[in-house]
N, C-alpha and C. Protein backbone atom coordinates (compact mmCIF):
# COMPACT_ATOMS: atom_id res chain seq x y z
N UNK A 1 0.89 -1.07 0.01
CA UNK A 1 -0.15 0.18 -0.02
C UNK A 1 0.84 1.22 -0.02
N UNK A 2 0.42 2.11 -0.94
CA UNK A 2 1.18 3.49 -0.99
C UNK A 2 0.98 4.09 0.23
N UNK A 3 1.75 5.46 0.44
CA UNK A 3 1.73 6.22 1.54
C UNK A 3 0.29 6.97 1.67
N UNK A 4 -0.13 7.29 0.36
CA UNK A 4 -1.23 8.05 0.31
C UNK A 4 -2.46 6.90 0.78
N UNK A 5 -2.54 5.80 0.34
CA UNK A 5 -3.49 4.77 0.68
C UNK A 5 -3.50 4.47 2.03
N UNK A 6 -2.22 4.49 2.79
CA UNK A 6 -2.10 4.23 4.10
C UNK A 6 -2.84 5.31 5.10
N UNK A 7 -2.39 6.51 4.62
CA UNK A 7 -3.06 7.63 5.26
C UNK A 7 -4.60 7.68 5.27
N UNK A 8 -5.04 7.46 3.90
CA UNK A 8 -6.54 7.39 3.98
C UNK A 8 -7.07 6.29 4.81
N UNK A 9 -6.43 5.11 4.71
CA UNK A 9 -6.89 4.11 5.74
C UNK A 9 -7.06 4.48 7.16
N UNK A 10 -5.82 5.02 7.44
CA UNK A 10 -5.80 5.54 8.88
C UNK A 10 -6.94 6.66 9.45
N UNK A 11 -7.04 7.72 8.44
CA UNK A 11 -8.23 8.45 8.84
C UNK A 11 -9.45 7.77 8.75
N UNK A 12 -9.71 6.98 7.72
CA UNK A 12 -11.06 6.13 7.87
C UNK A 12 -11.14 5.46 9.05
N UNK A 13 -10.19 4.70 9.60
CA UNK A 13 -10.24 3.92 10.99
C UNK A 13 -10.54 4.87 12.11
N UNK A 14 -9.76 6.10 12.09
CA UNK A 14 -9.97 7.06 13.24
C UNK A 14 -11.35 7.44 13.24
N UNK A 15 -11.81 7.71 12.09
CA UNK A 15 -13.26 8.27 12.00
C UNK A 15 -14.20 7.21 12.52
N UNK A 16 -13.92 6.09 12.13
CA UNK A 16 -14.71 4.86 12.69
C UNK A 16 -14.90 4.86 14.10
N UNK A 17 -13.52 4.96 14.72
CA UNK A 17 -13.50 4.69 16.07
C UNK A 17 -14.29 5.78 16.79
N UNK A 18 -14.14 7.08 16.19
CA UNK A 18 -14.59 8.27 17.09
C UNK A 18 -16.30 8.02 16.78
N UNK A 19 -16.77 7.61 15.54
CA UNK A 19 -18.32 7.35 15.47
C UNK A 19 -18.67 6.43 16.54
N UNK A 20 -17.77 5.20 16.51
CA UNK A 20 -18.35 4.11 17.70
C UNK A 20 -18.40 4.73 19.03
N UNK A 21 -17.33 5.43 19.23
CA UNK A 21 -17.33 5.85 20.66
C UNK A 21 -18.42 6.88 21.04
N UNK A 22 -18.74 7.71 19.99
CA UNK A 22 -19.62 8.75 20.30
C UNK A 22 -21.12 8.14 20.23
N UNK A 23 -21.25 6.89 19.75
CA UNK A 23 -22.61 6.36 19.69
C UNK A 23 -22.65 5.57 21.04
N UNK A 24 -21.75 5.34 21.81
CA UNK A 24 -22.02 4.52 23.11
C UNK A 24 -22.97 5.22 24.04
N UNK A 25 -23.84 4.26 24.63
CA UNK A 25 -24.93 4.80 25.43
C UNK A 25 -24.16 5.49 26.83
N UNK A 26 -24.74 6.30 27.59
CA UNK A 26 -24.18 6.85 28.60
C UNK A 26 -24.28 5.50 29.72
N UNK A 27 -23.08 5.71 30.48
CA UNK A 27 -22.84 4.70 31.61
C UNK A 27 -23.76 5.14 32.68
N UNK A 28 -24.10 4.10 33.67
CA UNK A 28 -24.82 4.32 34.67
C UNK A 28 -24.64 3.48 35.96
N UNK A 29 -25.22 3.72 37.11
CA UNK A 29 -24.95 2.84 38.13
C UNK A 29 -26.15 2.51 38.93
N UNK A 30 -26.25 1.37 39.45
CA UNK A 30 -27.43 1.03 40.20
C UNK A 30 -27.15 1.14 41.76
N UNK A 31 -27.86 2.08 42.44
CA UNK A 31 -27.65 2.15 43.91
C UNK A 31 -28.70 1.29 44.56
N UNK A 32 -28.15 0.37 45.47
CA UNK A 32 -28.92 -0.31 46.12
C UNK A 32 -29.14 0.13 47.78
N UNK A 33 -30.28 0.33 48.08
CA UNK A 33 -30.57 0.98 49.36
C UNK A 33 -31.01 -0.21 50.43
N UNK A 34 -30.50 0.26 51.85
CA UNK A 34 -30.88 -0.93 52.73
C UNK A 34 -32.45 -1.26 52.89
N UNK A 35 -33.08 -0.50 52.31
CA UNK A 35 -34.57 -0.63 52.27
C UNK A 35 -35.18 -1.61 51.22
N UNK A 36 -34.09 -1.90 50.33
CA UNK A 36 -34.58 -2.94 49.03
C UNK A 36 -34.76 -2.15 47.90
N UNK A 37 -34.86 -0.77 48.03
CA UNK A 37 -35.10 -0.02 46.79
C UNK A 37 -33.89 0.19 46.00
N UNK A 38 -34.01 0.30 44.84
CA UNK A 38 -32.92 0.67 43.73
C UNK A 38 -33.13 1.86 43.17
N UNK A 39 -32.11 2.37 42.54
CA UNK A 39 -32.01 3.79 41.89
C UNK A 39 -30.94 3.82 40.81
N UNK A 40 -31.25 4.27 39.60
CA UNK A 40 -30.23 4.27 38.51
C UNK A 40 -29.79 5.63 38.62
N UNK A 41 -28.37 5.91 38.70
CA UNK A 41 -27.74 7.15 38.81
C UNK A 41 -26.73 7.22 37.66
N UNK A 42 -26.28 8.41 37.51
CA UNK A 42 -25.15 8.67 36.26
C UNK A 42 -23.70 8.23 37.12
N UNK A 43 -23.46 8.70 38.32
CA UNK A 43 -22.44 8.52 39.08
C UNK A 43 -22.34 8.79 40.39
N UNK A 44 -21.47 8.67 41.31
CA UNK A 44 -21.63 8.94 42.82
C UNK A 44 -20.25 9.55 43.08
N UNK A 45 -20.21 9.98 44.25
CA UNK A 45 -18.89 10.41 44.91
C UNK A 45 -19.12 10.67 46.41
N UNK A 46 -18.05 10.43 47.14
CA UNK A 46 -17.96 10.50 48.60
C UNK A 46 -17.66 11.94 49.10
N UNK A 47 -18.51 12.40 50.06
CA UNK A 47 -18.31 13.61 50.58
C UNK A 47 -18.24 13.56 52.11
N UNK A 48 -17.11 13.31 52.78
CA UNK A 48 -17.27 13.18 54.33
C UNK A 48 -18.06 11.80 54.53
N UNK A 49 -19.05 11.91 55.27
CA UNK A 49 -20.00 10.72 55.83
C UNK A 49 -20.97 10.55 54.74
N UNK A 50 -21.22 11.46 53.71
CA UNK A 50 -22.37 11.39 52.84
C UNK A 50 -21.80 11.02 51.43
N UNK A 51 -22.86 10.53 50.72
CA UNK A 51 -22.64 10.16 49.35
C UNK A 51 -23.55 11.02 48.30
N UNK A 52 -22.92 11.63 47.42
CA UNK A 52 -23.61 12.44 46.43
C UNK A 52 -23.81 11.59 45.28
N UNK A 53 -25.19 11.61 44.76
CA UNK A 53 -25.63 10.79 43.72
C UNK A 53 -26.04 11.87 42.71
N UNK A 54 -25.24 11.66 41.60
CA UNK A 54 -25.58 12.58 40.36
C UNK A 54 -26.59 12.03 39.64
N UNK A 55 -27.65 12.46 39.32
CA UNK A 55 -29.02 11.76 38.50
C UNK A 55 -28.62 12.00 37.02
N UNK A 56 -28.79 11.06 36.36
CA UNK A 56 -28.90 10.99 34.82
C UNK A 56 -29.52 12.15 34.18
N UNK A 57 -30.64 12.59 34.77
CA UNK A 57 -31.37 13.92 34.16
C UNK A 57 -30.71 15.32 34.55
N UNK A 58 -29.80 15.22 35.52
CA UNK A 58 -29.19 16.31 36.06
C UNK A 58 -29.44 16.46 37.45
N UNK A 59 -28.80 17.27 38.26
CA UNK A 59 -29.17 17.53 39.59
C UNK A 59 -28.35 16.36 40.57
N UNK A 60 -28.52 16.58 41.73
CA UNK A 60 -27.68 15.84 42.69
C UNK A 60 -28.45 15.65 44.02
N UNK A 61 -28.29 14.49 44.41
CA UNK A 61 -28.95 13.93 45.77
C UNK A 61 -27.81 13.40 46.74
N UNK A 62 -28.10 14.25 47.96
CA UNK A 62 -27.05 13.86 49.08
C UNK A 62 -27.61 12.98 50.08
N UNK A 63 -27.13 11.87 50.33
CA UNK A 63 -27.80 10.89 51.38
C UNK A 63 -26.66 10.46 52.39
N UNK A 64 -26.95 10.06 53.39
CA UNK A 64 -26.03 9.35 54.49
C UNK A 64 -25.48 8.07 53.71
N UNK A 65 -24.33 7.86 53.82
CA UNK A 65 -23.79 6.46 53.23
C UNK A 65 -24.49 5.32 53.92
N UNK A 66 -24.63 5.49 55.33
CA UNK A 66 -25.26 4.11 56.00
C UNK A 66 -26.68 3.51 55.39
N UNK A 67 -27.33 4.60 54.59
CA UNK A 67 -28.68 4.11 53.96
C UNK A 67 -28.37 3.29 52.70
N UNK A 68 -26.98 3.33 52.26
CA UNK A 68 -26.89 2.43 51.02
C UNK A 68 -26.14 1.24 51.23
N UNK A 69 -26.57 0.19 50.53
CA UNK A 69 -25.98 -1.14 50.79
C UNK A 69 -24.76 -1.28 49.84
N UNK A 70 -25.04 -1.08 48.57
CA UNK A 70 -23.87 -1.25 47.68
C UNK A 70 -24.27 -0.64 46.25
N UNK A 71 -23.04 -0.64 45.36
CA UNK A 71 -23.50 -0.04 44.14
C UNK A 71 -22.94 -1.19 42.91
N UNK A 72 -23.79 -1.02 41.90
CA UNK A 72 -23.38 -1.99 40.78
C UNK A 72 -23.54 -1.46 39.57
N UNK A 73 -22.84 -1.99 38.46
CA UNK A 73 -23.19 -1.33 37.17
C UNK A 73 -24.36 -1.48 36.62
N UNK A 74 -25.01 -0.39 36.13
CA UNK A 74 -26.30 -0.62 35.38
C UNK A 74 -26.17 -1.02 33.93
N UNK A 75 -26.58 -2.39 33.62
CA UNK A 75 -26.26 -2.68 32.37
C UNK A 75 -27.29 -2.21 31.17
N UNK A 76 -28.34 -1.60 31.68
CA UNK A 76 -29.28 -1.29 30.76
C UNK A 76 -28.84 0.14 30.00
N UNK A 77 -28.77 0.17 28.66
CA UNK A 77 -28.13 1.25 27.78
C UNK A 77 -29.15 2.42 28.04
N UNK A 78 -28.58 3.82 28.39
CA UNK A 78 -29.28 4.82 28.41
C UNK A 78 -28.76 5.88 27.70
N UNK A 79 -29.35 6.39 26.48
CA UNK A 79 -28.85 7.56 25.73
C UNK A 79 -28.80 8.84 26.40
N UNK A 80 -27.60 9.54 26.18
CA UNK A 80 -27.40 10.68 26.75
C UNK A 80 -28.75 11.40 26.57
N UNK A 81 -28.99 12.20 27.65
CA UNK A 81 -30.35 13.08 27.65
C UNK A 81 -30.10 14.30 26.75
N UNK A 82 -31.15 14.64 25.86
CA UNK A 82 -30.84 15.89 25.13
C UNK A 82 -30.93 16.95 26.02
N UNK A 83 -30.17 18.26 25.50
CA UNK A 83 -30.38 19.31 26.31
C UNK A 83 -31.65 19.86 26.37
N UNK A 84 -32.22 20.57 27.36
CA UNK A 84 -33.37 20.89 27.47
C UNK A 84 -33.37 22.34 26.99
N UNK A 85 -34.41 22.68 26.09
CA UNK A 85 -34.40 24.09 25.38
C UNK A 85 -34.46 25.14 26.61
N UNK A 86 -33.62 26.30 26.40
CA UNK A 86 -33.63 27.16 27.55
C UNK A 86 -34.88 28.02 27.74
N UNK A 87 -35.85 27.95 26.94
CA UNK A 87 -37.13 28.82 27.19
C UNK A 87 -37.83 28.36 28.59
N UNK A 88 -38.05 27.11 28.83
CA UNK A 88 -38.74 26.81 29.96
C UNK A 88 -37.91 27.36 31.21
N UNK A 89 -36.62 27.16 31.23
CA UNK A 89 -35.94 27.68 32.18
C UNK A 89 -35.88 29.10 32.57
N UNK A 90 -35.79 29.87 31.54
CA UNK A 90 -35.76 31.21 31.36
C UNK A 90 -36.98 31.88 32.03
N UNK A 91 -38.06 30.98 31.58
CA UNK A 91 -39.47 31.36 32.06
C UNK A 91 -39.65 31.31 33.60
N UNK A 92 -38.92 30.30 34.24
CA UNK A 92 -39.06 30.15 35.77
C UNK A 92 -38.08 31.35 36.43
N UNK A 93 -37.07 31.87 35.43
CA UNK A 93 -36.04 32.70 36.25
C UNK A 93 -36.81 34.34 36.14
N UNK A 94 -37.47 34.50 35.25
CA UNK A 94 -37.95 35.77 34.88
C UNK A 94 -39.58 35.86 35.44
N UNK A 95 -39.26 36.81 36.57
CA UNK A 95 -40.65 36.90 37.24
C UNK A 95 -41.87 37.50 36.30
N UNK A 96 -41.37 38.27 35.46
CA UNK A 96 -42.67 38.90 34.54
C UNK A 96 -43.24 37.83 33.53
N UNK A 97 -42.61 36.75 33.47
CA UNK A 97 -43.08 35.74 32.50
C UNK A 97 -43.91 34.52 33.10
N UNK A 98 -43.96 34.64 34.55
CA UNK A 98 -44.74 33.50 35.10
C UNK A 98 -45.93 34.26 36.07
N UNK A 99 -46.81 33.41 36.18
CA UNK A 99 -47.94 34.02 37.04
C UNK A 99 -47.53 34.15 38.32
N UNK A 100 -48.13 35.25 38.94
CA UNK A 100 -47.82 35.57 40.46
C UNK A 100 -46.36 35.95 40.63
N UNK A 101 -45.59 36.36 39.54
CA UNK A 101 -44.22 36.70 39.53
C UNK A 101 -44.05 37.74 40.75
N UNK A 102 -44.96 38.86 40.80
CA UNK A 102 -44.43 39.86 41.58
C UNK A 102 -45.04 39.54 43.08
N UNK A 103 -45.87 38.61 43.34
CA UNK A 103 -46.12 38.07 44.69
C UNK A 103 -44.94 37.38 45.13
N UNK A 104 -44.40 36.20 44.32
CA UNK A 104 -43.35 35.56 44.64
C UNK A 104 -42.14 36.30 45.08
N UNK A 105 -41.74 37.51 44.02
CA UNK A 105 -40.72 38.14 44.32
C UNK A 105 -40.60 38.83 45.73
N UNK A 106 -41.96 39.46 46.25
CA UNK A 106 -42.32 40.03 47.22
C UNK A 106 -41.91 39.25 48.76
N UNK A 107 -42.61 38.39 48.55
CA UNK A 107 -42.46 37.48 49.60
C UNK A 107 -41.01 36.82 49.95
N UNK A 108 -40.68 36.44 48.75
CA UNK A 108 -39.31 35.95 48.79
C UNK A 108 -38.24 36.80 49.33
N UNK A 109 -38.30 37.98 48.78
CA UNK A 109 -37.45 39.08 49.17
C UNK A 109 -37.63 39.25 50.81
N UNK A 110 -38.90 39.39 51.45
CA UNK A 110 -39.07 39.48 52.58
C UNK A 110 -38.57 38.42 53.57
N UNK A 111 -38.50 37.15 53.03
CA UNK A 111 -37.96 35.89 53.86
C UNK A 111 -36.56 35.63 53.57
N UNK A 112 -35.97 36.19 52.35
CA UNK A 112 -34.65 36.03 52.20
C UNK A 112 -34.61 34.67 51.54
N UNK A 113 -35.46 34.34 50.83
CA UNK A 113 -35.32 32.84 50.06
C UNK A 113 -35.18 33.16 48.62
N UNK A 114 -34.27 32.52 47.88
CA UNK A 114 -34.22 32.92 46.35
C UNK A 114 -35.55 32.78 45.63
N UNK A 115 -35.77 33.67 44.90
CA UNK A 115 -37.21 33.71 44.24
C UNK A 115 -37.13 32.49 43.17
N UNK A 116 -35.91 32.39 42.55
CA UNK A 116 -35.77 31.35 41.40
C UNK A 116 -36.24 29.84 42.20
N UNK A 117 -35.77 29.64 43.38
CA UNK A 117 -35.97 28.48 43.98
C UNK A 117 -37.50 28.15 44.43
N UNK A 118 -38.27 29.40 44.75
CA UNK A 118 -39.59 29.34 45.10
C UNK A 118 -40.41 29.13 43.68
N UNK A 119 -40.09 29.65 42.56
CA UNK A 119 -40.68 29.56 41.42
C UNK A 119 -40.55 28.18 41.07
N UNK A 120 -39.28 27.45 41.08
CA UNK A 120 -39.23 25.98 40.74
C UNK A 120 -40.06 25.14 41.72
N UNK A 121 -40.11 25.49 42.99
CA UNK A 121 -40.92 24.74 43.68
C UNK A 121 -42.51 24.56 43.32
N UNK A 122 -42.96 25.91 42.95
CA UNK A 122 -44.21 26.12 42.38
C UNK A 122 -44.46 25.33 41.16
N UNK A 123 -43.40 25.39 40.27
CA UNK A 123 -43.75 24.61 39.08
C UNK A 123 -43.81 23.18 39.37
N UNK A 124 -42.94 22.72 40.31
CA UNK A 124 -42.94 21.14 40.39
C UNK A 124 -44.34 20.83 41.15
N UNK A 125 -44.52 21.45 42.04
CA UNK A 125 -45.75 21.22 43.25
C UNK A 125 -47.00 21.25 42.37
N UNK A 126 -47.40 22.25 41.54
CA UNK A 126 -48.79 22.72 41.08
C UNK A 126 -48.87 23.13 39.72
N UNK A 127 -47.62 23.33 38.93
CA UNK A 127 -47.74 23.87 37.75
C UNK A 127 -48.37 25.23 37.58
N UNK A 128 -48.39 25.85 38.65
CA UNK A 128 -49.13 27.30 38.78
C UNK A 128 -50.59 27.22 38.80
N UNK A 129 -51.09 26.01 39.24
CA UNK A 129 -52.52 25.79 39.28
C UNK A 129 -53.08 26.06 40.67
N UNK A 130 -53.60 27.32 40.91
CA UNK A 130 -53.89 27.74 42.20
C UNK A 130 -54.89 26.97 42.92
N UNK A 131 -55.90 26.21 42.21
CA UNK A 131 -56.78 25.24 42.73
C UNK A 131 -56.30 23.83 42.95
N UNK A 132 -54.93 23.51 42.79
CA UNK A 132 -54.54 22.21 42.68
C UNK A 132 -54.69 21.72 44.13
N UNK A 133 -55.01 20.42 44.24
CA UNK A 133 -55.15 19.77 45.51
C UNK A 133 -54.74 18.23 45.18
N UNK A 134 -53.82 17.74 46.10
CA UNK A 134 -53.26 16.33 45.87
C UNK A 134 -54.19 15.44 46.74
N UNK A 135 -54.04 14.02 46.41
CA UNK A 135 -54.57 12.97 47.06
C UNK A 135 -54.60 12.83 48.39
N UNK A 136 -53.37 13.61 49.00
CA UNK A 136 -53.03 13.62 50.45
C UNK A 136 -53.48 14.85 51.04
N UNK A 137 -54.18 15.63 50.17
CA UNK A 137 -54.88 16.76 50.96
C UNK A 137 -54.02 18.20 50.75
N UNK A 138 -52.80 17.96 49.96
CA UNK A 138 -52.06 19.32 49.99
C UNK A 138 -52.73 20.24 49.11
N UNK A 139 -52.88 21.60 49.25
CA UNK A 139 -53.42 22.49 48.50
C UNK A 139 -52.88 23.81 47.89
N UNK A 140 -53.27 24.20 46.79
CA UNK A 140 -52.81 25.44 46.23
C UNK A 140 -51.47 25.22 45.64
N UNK A 141 -50.93 26.52 45.23
CA UNK A 141 -49.86 26.76 44.53
C UNK A 141 -48.72 26.02 44.92
N UNK A 142 -48.30 26.15 46.38
CA UNK A 142 -47.30 25.55 46.98
C UNK A 142 -47.64 24.19 47.78
N UNK A 143 -48.99 23.81 47.38
CA UNK A 143 -49.33 22.61 47.94
C UNK A 143 -49.27 22.39 49.60
N UNK A 144 -49.81 23.29 50.29
CA UNK A 144 -49.82 23.29 51.73
C UNK A 144 -50.64 22.19 52.36
N UNK A 145 -50.05 21.55 53.25
CA UNK A 145 -50.71 20.50 53.93
C UNK A 145 -51.64 21.13 54.92
N UNK A 146 -52.77 20.65 55.27
CA UNK A 146 -53.65 21.29 56.32
C UNK A 146 -52.97 21.81 57.53
N UNK A 147 -51.96 21.18 58.19
CA UNK A 147 -51.30 21.41 59.38
C UNK A 147 -50.38 22.48 59.04
N UNK A 148 -49.78 22.52 57.99
CA UNK A 148 -48.88 23.83 57.54
C UNK A 148 -49.67 25.01 57.56
N UNK A 149 -50.78 24.87 56.83
CA UNK A 149 -51.85 26.11 56.65
C UNK A 149 -52.23 26.65 57.86
N UNK A 150 -52.39 25.81 58.99
CA UNK A 150 -52.85 25.91 60.22
C UNK A 150 -51.77 26.76 61.11
N UNK A 151 -50.52 26.21 60.85
CA UNK A 151 -49.28 26.95 61.53
C UNK A 151 -49.13 28.26 60.92
N UNK A 152 -49.39 28.79 59.74
CA UNK A 152 -49.08 29.94 59.40
C UNK A 152 -50.39 30.78 59.22
N UNK A 153 -51.50 30.41 59.86
CA UNK A 153 -52.75 30.96 59.92
C UNK A 153 -53.16 31.54 58.60
N UNK A 154 -53.23 30.54 57.57
CA UNK A 154 -53.73 30.66 56.26
C UNK A 154 -55.13 30.53 56.39
N UNK A 155 -56.12 31.52 56.18
CA UNK A 155 -57.55 31.19 56.24
C UNK A 155 -57.84 30.68 54.92
N UNK A 156 -57.39 30.95 53.66
CA UNK A 156 -57.93 30.18 52.62
C UNK A 156 -56.74 29.77 51.77
N UNK A 157 -56.40 28.32 52.02
CA UNK A 157 -55.01 27.94 51.32
C UNK A 157 -54.99 28.18 49.87
N UNK A 158 -56.29 28.42 49.20
CA UNK A 158 -56.30 28.54 47.65
C UNK A 158 -56.24 30.03 47.23
N UNK A 159 -55.90 30.89 48.19
CA UNK A 159 -55.78 32.36 47.90
C UNK A 159 -54.31 32.31 47.54
N UNK A 160 -53.92 32.72 46.28
CA UNK A 160 -52.45 32.74 45.81
C UNK A 160 -51.37 33.44 46.72
N UNK A 161 -51.89 34.79 47.19
CA UNK A 161 -50.85 35.33 48.07
C UNK A 161 -50.68 34.81 49.32
N UNK A 162 -51.90 34.04 50.07
CA UNK A 162 -51.61 33.56 51.24
C UNK A 162 -51.10 32.28 51.21
N UNK A 163 -51.33 31.70 50.16
CA UNK A 163 -50.54 30.34 49.98
C UNK A 163 -49.11 30.48 49.67
N UNK A 164 -48.83 31.40 48.83
CA UNK A 164 -47.16 31.64 48.57
C UNK A 164 -46.58 32.06 49.66
N UNK A 165 -47.10 33.06 50.45
CA UNK A 165 -46.35 33.62 51.73
C UNK A 165 -46.10 32.52 52.69
N UNK A 166 -47.28 31.59 52.97
CA UNK A 166 -47.11 30.61 54.00
C UNK A 166 -46.14 29.63 53.38
N UNK A 167 -46.05 29.22 52.13
CA UNK A 167 -45.15 28.30 51.55
C UNK A 167 -43.74 28.58 51.66
N UNK A 168 -43.56 29.90 51.40
CA UNK A 168 -42.23 30.63 51.49
C UNK A 168 -41.69 30.52 52.84
N UNK A 169 -42.39 30.83 53.86
CA UNK A 169 -42.14 30.86 55.25
C UNK A 169 -41.63 29.52 55.57
N UNK A 170 -42.49 28.38 55.13
CA UNK A 170 -42.41 27.06 55.58
C UNK A 170 -40.87 26.54 55.12
N UNK A 171 -40.83 26.90 53.77
CA UNK A 171 -39.57 26.68 53.12
C UNK A 171 -38.20 27.10 53.83
N UNK A 172 -38.35 28.53 54.17
CA UNK A 172 -37.26 29.20 54.91
C UNK A 172 -37.03 28.53 56.12
N UNK A 173 -37.94 28.15 56.88
CA UNK A 173 -37.76 27.49 58.25
C UNK A 173 -37.03 26.04 58.09
N UNK A 174 -37.08 25.44 56.80
CA UNK A 174 -36.55 24.34 56.56
C UNK A 174 -34.99 24.59 56.13
N UNK A 175 -34.90 25.85 55.16
CA UNK A 175 -33.72 26.04 54.79
C UNK A 175 -32.67 26.66 56.00
N UNK A 176 -33.20 27.09 57.07
CA UNK A 176 -32.58 27.35 58.17
C UNK A 176 -31.85 26.34 58.82
N UNK A 177 -32.38 25.01 58.95
CA UNK A 177 -32.20 23.96 59.49
C UNK A 177 -31.19 22.96 58.67
N UNK A 178 -31.57 23.01 57.26
CA UNK A 178 -31.05 21.91 56.49
C UNK A 178 -30.44 22.57 55.31
N UNK A 179 -29.38 21.75 54.62
CA UNK A 179 -29.08 22.24 53.23
C UNK A 179 -30.19 22.35 52.19
N UNK A 180 -29.96 22.86 51.10
CA UNK A 180 -31.08 23.00 50.17
C UNK A 180 -31.70 21.79 49.72
N UNK A 181 -30.84 20.87 49.33
CA UNK A 181 -31.31 19.60 48.81
C UNK A 181 -32.40 18.89 49.95
N UNK A 182 -31.87 18.79 51.12
CA UNK A 182 -32.48 18.27 52.19
C UNK A 182 -33.63 19.03 52.58
N UNK A 183 -33.75 20.24 52.56
CA UNK A 183 -34.88 21.26 52.78
C UNK A 183 -35.92 20.81 51.77
N UNK A 184 -35.59 20.60 50.53
CA UNK A 184 -36.43 20.41 49.49
C UNK A 184 -37.19 18.92 49.88
N UNK A 185 -36.23 18.01 50.16
CA UNK A 185 -36.81 16.58 50.45
C UNK A 185 -37.70 16.76 51.74
N UNK A 186 -37.32 17.56 52.78
CA UNK A 186 -38.40 17.66 53.74
C UNK A 186 -39.58 18.34 53.24
N UNK A 187 -39.65 19.24 52.68
CA UNK A 187 -40.74 19.97 52.15
C UNK A 187 -41.74 18.83 51.28
N UNK A 188 -41.08 18.00 50.60
CA UNK A 188 -41.94 16.97 49.93
C UNK A 188 -42.25 15.73 50.66
N UNK A 189 -41.45 15.17 51.58
CA UNK A 189 -41.52 13.97 52.35
C UNK A 189 -41.71 14.11 53.77
N UNK A 190 -41.61 15.32 54.27
CA UNK A 190 -41.54 15.66 55.81
C UNK A 190 -40.25 15.61 56.47
N UNK A 191 -39.97 16.54 57.34
CA UNK A 191 -38.73 16.56 57.95
C UNK A 191 -38.48 15.26 58.78
N UNK A 192 -39.43 14.64 59.38
CA UNK A 192 -39.15 13.26 60.00
C UNK A 192 -38.51 12.27 59.21
N UNK A 193 -38.98 12.25 57.94
CA UNK A 193 -38.48 11.31 57.01
C UNK A 193 -36.88 11.51 56.72
N UNK A 194 -36.67 12.82 56.44
CA UNK A 194 -34.85 13.09 56.30
C UNK A 194 -34.32 12.90 57.47
N UNK A 195 -34.82 13.18 58.89
CA UNK A 195 -34.03 12.77 59.96
C UNK A 195 -33.94 11.09 60.09
N UNK A 196 -34.89 10.44 59.76
CA UNK A 196 -34.90 9.09 59.71
C UNK A 196 -33.90 8.53 58.90
N UNK A 197 -33.86 9.13 57.76
CA UNK A 197 -32.87 8.30 56.81
C UNK A 197 -31.55 9.19 56.66
N UNK A 198 -31.44 10.18 57.58
CA UNK A 198 -30.06 10.81 57.70
C UNK A 198 -29.75 11.44 56.22
N UNK A 199 -30.72 11.94 55.63
CA UNK A 199 -30.57 12.36 54.11
C UNK A 199 -31.79 12.34 53.50
N UNK A 200 -31.59 12.40 52.02
CA UNK A 200 -32.79 12.37 51.26
C UNK A 200 -33.46 11.00 51.31
N UNK A 201 -34.62 10.65 51.55
CA UNK A 201 -35.26 9.44 51.56
C UNK A 201 -35.41 8.72 50.44
N UNK A 202 -34.93 7.58 50.44
CA UNK A 202 -34.88 6.64 49.11
C UNK A 202 -36.31 6.34 48.56
N UNK A 203 -37.24 7.60 48.34
CA UNK A 203 -38.32 7.35 47.82
C UNK A 203 -38.05 7.86 46.31
N UNK A 204 -38.56 7.13 45.38
CA UNK A 204 -38.33 7.55 43.87
C UNK A 204 -38.82 9.03 43.73
N UNK A 205 -40.40 9.16 44.20
CA UNK A 205 -40.96 10.48 44.02
C UNK A 205 -40.07 11.81 44.62
N UNK A 206 -39.77 11.58 45.87
CA UNK A 206 -38.79 12.51 46.48
C UNK A 206 -37.62 12.91 45.75
N UNK A 207 -36.94 11.81 45.37
CA UNK A 207 -35.55 11.84 44.72
C UNK A 207 -35.79 12.69 43.54
N UNK A 208 -36.78 12.28 42.69
CA UNK A 208 -37.22 12.92 41.36
C UNK A 208 -37.53 14.48 41.63
N UNK A 209 -38.27 14.58 42.78
CA UNK A 209 -38.71 15.78 42.88
C UNK A 209 -37.55 16.81 43.37
N UNK A 210 -36.69 16.43 44.26
CA UNK A 210 -35.39 17.17 44.52
C UNK A 210 -34.65 17.78 43.46
N UNK A 211 -34.39 16.60 42.41
CA UNK A 211 -33.47 16.57 41.19
C UNK A 211 -34.25 17.71 40.47
N UNK A 212 -35.36 17.57 40.14
CA UNK A 212 -36.01 18.48 39.17
C UNK A 212 -36.15 20.08 39.71
N UNK A 213 -36.32 20.16 40.92
CA UNK A 213 -36.22 21.49 41.38
C UNK A 213 -34.90 22.13 41.44
N UNK A 214 -33.92 21.27 41.65
CA UNK A 214 -32.60 21.88 41.57
C UNK A 214 -32.16 22.08 40.14
N UNK A 215 -32.75 21.38 39.29
CA UNK A 215 -32.40 21.60 37.81
C UNK A 215 -33.08 22.74 37.36
N UNK A 216 -34.20 23.12 37.91
CA UNK A 216 -34.96 24.28 37.33
C UNK A 216 -34.49 25.58 37.92
N UNK A 217 -34.19 25.63 39.20
CA UNK A 217 -33.59 26.60 40.10
C UNK A 217 -32.01 26.93 39.56
N UNK A 218 -31.44 26.08 38.83
CA UNK A 218 -30.05 26.26 38.54
C UNK A 218 -29.75 27.59 37.87
C-alpha cells in the first residue's frame, strides 16, 4: 500500500472509532438501598460521611452513606439526555413571564429565600394551578398541607398570596436547619423522613422531586 492509501486508511479508521465511541450509550450505576429499593444514577462520589448521587437527568442527591448497601453497574443502555431548551428555564427565572411573579418576588425578598427556588417549587408542586389539590390533601400553588396552613394562620389555602407567603415561610424554616437539597426533600416527604434516613429519603418520588427543582432553579 502506498503512503497516500495508508494515510487514507488511517483517517477512515480514526473516523470509525470516533463514531463508535460517540454512539455509546451513557454509563450508569445502580444504587442499592438498605430498604430494598434501587435507583439508577449517572455516578456517585463521597463527601465526608455522605454520598452524593448525580442523577442521569441532572441534579444531585445527598444522602447518608449508611442508607446505601452497595453499588453495581447498570447494564441497561441509556442514551445521553438531550439538552433541554432554554425557554422553560428562562421562564422560571424571569418574574415577568410567570404567574404571580410579583407576589413571589415580594415574599421571597421579605423572607430572604431565592425567588428562583420558590418558582421552581411552585412549578413542580402545582404547575401554577392555584386550585390544585393532591390525594394527600395538599392545597394550592405551593401545596400546603392542612397542618402547615394552620401553622401559618392561612384562612384560605387557595388564595395565591396567602398560599405563597406561607409556603415561602415554611421553606425558609427548613432552609434554616437543612442544606437546600435536604430542605426540599423535607418539603416533599416531611422533615421526619429526612431525619430518619439521615439524608434524602430513598423514595423515587422525593428523589425526582429534589432533582427536578434543583435543575429548574439552577
